[in-house]
Amino acid sequence: MNYLRTIVRNLVITRVRKEGVENTAGSDFEAVTAEIADDQVSPEENVASREAMKRIVDAIAAMPDLRQRQAIRMYHFEGLKLREIAVHLDLSLTRVHGLIEDGMAICDRVRKEGQ
């Protein structure tokens, strides 16, 4: 059964690839490749992103509620789940969610002001 699944999957992949090649046949190379996104970030975008991140990190550090700062750091930078943060800070799950939500509203405002 797995063998048949593998065969069907490979046939589908081959068909999709073939259709992709056929759709670009006879097209202008420059026009087709212009639609492909460039993965490189421009130096200006890189600097702007770093400045925005610095403003956001500064905004988090300036938050008056220590628990809010800790909750945001644990959630967004350390990857902890809300339940884990609630246990660590000895708060309810609802309170932790509220702290993070309010803190992110502040961060979003700071980000928009910098644009």
C-alpha atoms as a PDB file:
ATOM      1  CA  MET A   1       0.000   0.000   0.000  1.00  0.00           C
ATOM      2  CA  ASN A   2       2.811   2.445   0.856  1.00  0.00           C
ATOM      3  CA  TYR A   3       4.470   1.526  -2.424  1.00  0.00           C
ATOM      4  CA  LEU A   4       1.355   2.567  -4.377  1.00  0.00           C
ATOM      5  CA  ARG A   5       1.118   5.820  -2.422  1.00  0.00           C
ATOM      6  CA  THR A   6       4.729   6.606  -3.251  1.00  0.00           C
ATOM      7  CA  ILE A   7       4.156   5.919  -6.950  1.00  0.00           C
ATOM      8  CA  VAL A   8       1.056   8.133  -7.075  1.00  0.00           C
ATOM      9  CA  ARG A   9       2.819  10.910  -5.155  1.00  0.00           C
ATOM     10  CA  ASN A  10       5.794  10.815  -7.502  1.00  0.00           C
ATOM     11  CA  LEU A  11       3.506  10.874 -10.554  1.00  0.00           C
ATOM     12  CA  VAL A  12       1.691  13.926  -9.198  1.00  0.00           C
ATOM     13  CA  ILE A  13       4.969  15.717  -8.484  1.00  0.00           C
ATOM     14  CA  THR A  14       6.249  14.936 -11.983  1.00  0.00           C
ATOM     15  CA  ARG A  15       3.015  16.220 -13.531  1.00  0.00           C
ATOM     16  CA  VAL A  16       3.097  19.476 -11.559  1.00  0.00           C
ATOM     17  CA  ARG A  17       6.720  20.073 -12.549  1.00  0.00           C
ATOM     18  CA  LYS A  18       5.942  19.363 -16.207  1.00  0.00           C
ATOM     19  CA  GLU A  19       2.993  21.775 -16.181  1.00  0.00           C
ATOM     20  CA  GLY A  20       5.208  24.445 -14.616  1.00  0.00           C
ATOM     21  CA  VAL A  21       7.765  24.079 -17.391  1.00  0.00           C
ATOM     22  CA  GLU A  22       5.087  24.040 -20.096  1.00  0.00           C
ATOM     23  CA  ASN A  23       3.497  27.231 -18.718  1.00  0.00           C
ATOM     24  CA  THR A  24       6.777  29.128 -19.097  1.00  0.00           C
ATOM     25  CA  ALA A  25       7.749  27.699 -22.482  1.00  0.00           C
ATOM     26  CA  GLY A  26       7.951  30.439 -25.094  1.00  0.00           C
ATOM     27  CA  SER A  27       7.793  33.180 -22.473  1.00  0.00           C
ATOM     28  CA  ASP A  28      10.260  35.983 -22.198  1.00  0.00           C
ATOM     29  CA  PHE A  29      12.977  34.936 -19.712  1.00  0.00           C
ATOM     30  CA  GLU A  30      13.234  38.410 -18.186  1.00  0.00           C
ATOM     31  CA  ALA A  31       9.472  38.653 -17.681  1.00  0.00           C
ATOM     32  CA  VAL A  32       9.269  35.238 -16.016  1.00  0.00           C
ATOM     33  CA  THR A  33      12.255  35.768 -13.735  1.00  0.00           C
ATOM     34  CA  ALA A  34      11.121  39.274 -12.743  1.00  0.00           C
ATOM     35  CA  GLU A  35       8.162  37.675 -10.963  1.00  0.00           C
ATOM     36  CA  ILE A  36      10.433  35.538  -8.791  1.00  0.00           C
ATOM     37  CA  ALA A  37      10.991  37.155  -5.410  1.00  0.00           C
ATOM     38  CA  ASP A  38      14.536  38.051  -4.512  1.00  0.00           C
ATOM     39  CA  ASP A  39      15.513  36.630  -1.123  1.00  0.00           C
ATOM     40  CA  GLN A  40      18.116  39.331  -0.541  1.00  0.00           C
ATOM     41  CA  VAL A  41      17.258  42.198   1.774  1.00  0.00           C
ATOM     42  CA  SER A  42      18.528  45.589   0.760  1.00  0.00           C
ATOM     43  CA  PRO A  43      20.992  47.341   3.094  1.00  0.00           C
ATOM     44  CA  GLU A  44      18.399  50.051   3.737  1.00  0.00           C
ATOM     45  CA  GLU A  45      15.766  47.481   4.744  1.00  0.00           C
ATOM     46  CA  ASN A  46      18.302  45.757   6.963  1.00  0.00           C
ATOM     47  CA  VAL A  47      19.147  49.001   8.801  1.00  0.00           C
ATOM     48  CA  ALA A  48      15.466  49.936   9.112  1.00  0.00           C
ATOM     49  CA  SER A  49      14.649  46.498  10.548  1.00  0.00           C
ATOM     50  CA  ARG A  50      17.474  46.726  13.077  1.00  0.00           C
ATOM     51  CA  GLU A  51      16.370  50.207  14.161  1.00  0.00           C
ATOM     52  CA  ALA A  52      12.759  49.060  14.526  1.00  0.00           C
ATOM     53  CA  MET A  53      13.851  46.057  16.577  1.00  0.00           C
ATOM     54  CA  LYS A  54      15.964  48.298  18.831  1.00  0.00           C
ATOM     55  CA  ARG A  55      12.992  50.622  19.403  1.00  0.00           C
ATOM     56  CA  ILE A  56      10.796  47.651  20.283  1.00  0.00           C
ATOM     57  CA  VAL A  57      13.372  46.133  22.664  1.00  0.00           C
ATOM     58  CA  ASP A  58      13.775  49.562  24.299  1.00  0.00           C
ATOM     59  CA  ALA A  59       9.986  49.854  24.617  1.00  0.00           C
ATOM     60  CA  ILE A  60       9.842  46.457  26.322  1.00  0.00           C
ATOM     61  CA  ALA A  61      12.635  47.466  28.708  1.00  0.00           C
ATOM     62  CA  ALA A  62      10.780  50.703  29.536  1.00  0.00           C
ATOM     63  CA  MET A  63       7.501  48.995  30.434  1.00  0.00           C
ATOM     64  CA  PRO A  64       6.643  49.871  34.038  1.00  0.00           C
ATOM     65  CA  ASP A  65       5.337  46.405  34.954  1.00  0.00           C
ATOM     66  CA  LEU A  66       8.180  43.947  35.519  1.00  0.00           C
ATOM     67  CA  ARG A  67       5.842  41.001  35.009  1.00  0.00           C
ATOM     68  CA  GLN A  68       4.793  42.376  31.642  1.00  0.00           C
ATOM     69  CA  ARG A  69       8.408  42.679  30.506  1.00  0.00           C
ATOM     70  CA  GLN A  70       9.126  39.162  31.714  1.00  0.00           C
ATOM     71  CA  ALA A  71       6.007  37.714  30.086  1.00  0.00           C
ATOM     72  CA  ILE A  72       6.793  39.285  26.705  1.00  0.00           C
ATOM     73  CA  ARG A  73      10.408  38.145  26.803  1.00  0.00           C
ATOM     74  CA  MET A  74       9.456  34.611  27.815  1.00  0.00           C
ATOM     75  CA  TYR A  75       6.756  34.349  25.177  1.00  0.00           C
ATOM     76  CA  HIS A  76       8.373  36.035  22.173  1.00  0.00           C
ATOM     77  CA  PHE A  77      12.082  35.552  22.777  1.00  0.00           C
ATOM     78  CA  GLU A  78      12.297  32.333  24.791  1.00  0.00           C
ATOM     79  CA  GLY A  79       9.362  30.575  23.138  1.00  0.00           C
ATOM     80  CA  LEU A  80       7.549  29.600  26.339  1.00  0.00           C
ATOM     81  CA  LYS A  81       3.844  28.837  26.236  1.00  0.00           C
ATOM     82  CA  LEU A  82       1.307  30.945  28.128  1.00  0.00           C
ATOM     83  CA  ARG A  83       0.742  28.173  30.681  1.00  0.00           C
ATOM     84  CA  GLU A  84       4.457  27.924  31.393  1.00  0.00           C
ATOM     85  CA  ILE A  85       4.703  31.681  31.860  1.00  0.00           C
ATOM     86  CA  ALA A  86       1.663  31.677  34.154  1.00  0.00           C
ATOM     87  CA  VAL A  87       3.273  29.044  36.362  1.00  0.00           C
ATOM     88  CA  HIS A  88       6.640  30.798  36.372  1.00  0.00           C
ATOM     89  CA  LEU A  89       5.160  34.215  37.249  1.00  0.00           C
ATOM     90  CA  ASP A  90       2.470  32.732  39.535  1.00  0.00           C
ATOM     91  CA  LEU A  91      -0.307  34.451  37.567  1.00  0.00           C
ATOM     92  CA  SER A  92      -3.503  33.268  35.936  1.00  0.00           C
ATOM     93  CA  LEU A  93      -3.457  32.334  32.277  1.00  0.00           C
ATOM     94  CA  THR A  94      -5.864  35.186  31.549  1.00  0.00           C
ATOM     95  CA  ARG A  95      -3.598  37.697  33.301  1.00  0.00           C
ATOM     96  CA  VAL A  96      -0.537  36.523  31.361  1.00  0.00           C
ATOM     97  CA  HIS A  97      -2.453  36.784  28.087  1.00  0.00           C
ATOM     98  CA  GLY A  98      -3.553  40.302  29.006  1.00  0.00           C
ATOM     99  CA  LEU A  99      -0.015  41.380  29.923  1.00  0.00           C
ATOM    100  CA  ILE A 100       1.346  40.115  26.616  1.00  0.00           C
ATOM    101  CA  GLU A 101      -1.514  41.594  24.599  1.00  0.00           C
ATOM    102  CA  ASP A 102      -1.159  45.026  26.217  1.00  0.00           C
ATOM    103  CA  GLY A 103       2.618  44.910  25.829  1.00  0.00           C
ATOM    104  CA  MET A 104       2.354  44.000  22.167  1.00  0.00           C
ATOM    105  CA  ALA A 105      -0.015  46.929  21.606  1.00  0.00           C
ATOM    106  CA  ILE A 106       2.702  49.197  23.007  1.00  0.00           C
ATOM    107  CA  CYS A 107       5.318  47.568  20.774  1.00  0.00           C
ATOM    108  CA  ASP A 108       3.079  47.888  17.729  1.00  0.00           C
ATOM    109  CA  ARG A 109       2.525  51.587  18.445  1.00  0.00           C
ATOM    110  CA  VAL A 110       6.291  52.138  18.814  1.00  0.00           C
ATOM    111  CA  ARG A 111       6.892  50.277  15.537  1.00  0.00           C
ATOM    112  CA  LYS A 112       4.311  52.367  13.670  1.00  0.00           C
ATOM    113  CA  GLU A 113       5.701  55.641  15.081  1.00  0.00           C
ATOM    114  CA  GLY A 114       9.116  54.770  13.656  1.00  0.00           C
ATOM    115  CA  GLN A 115       7.873  54.312  10.107  1.00  0.00           C
END
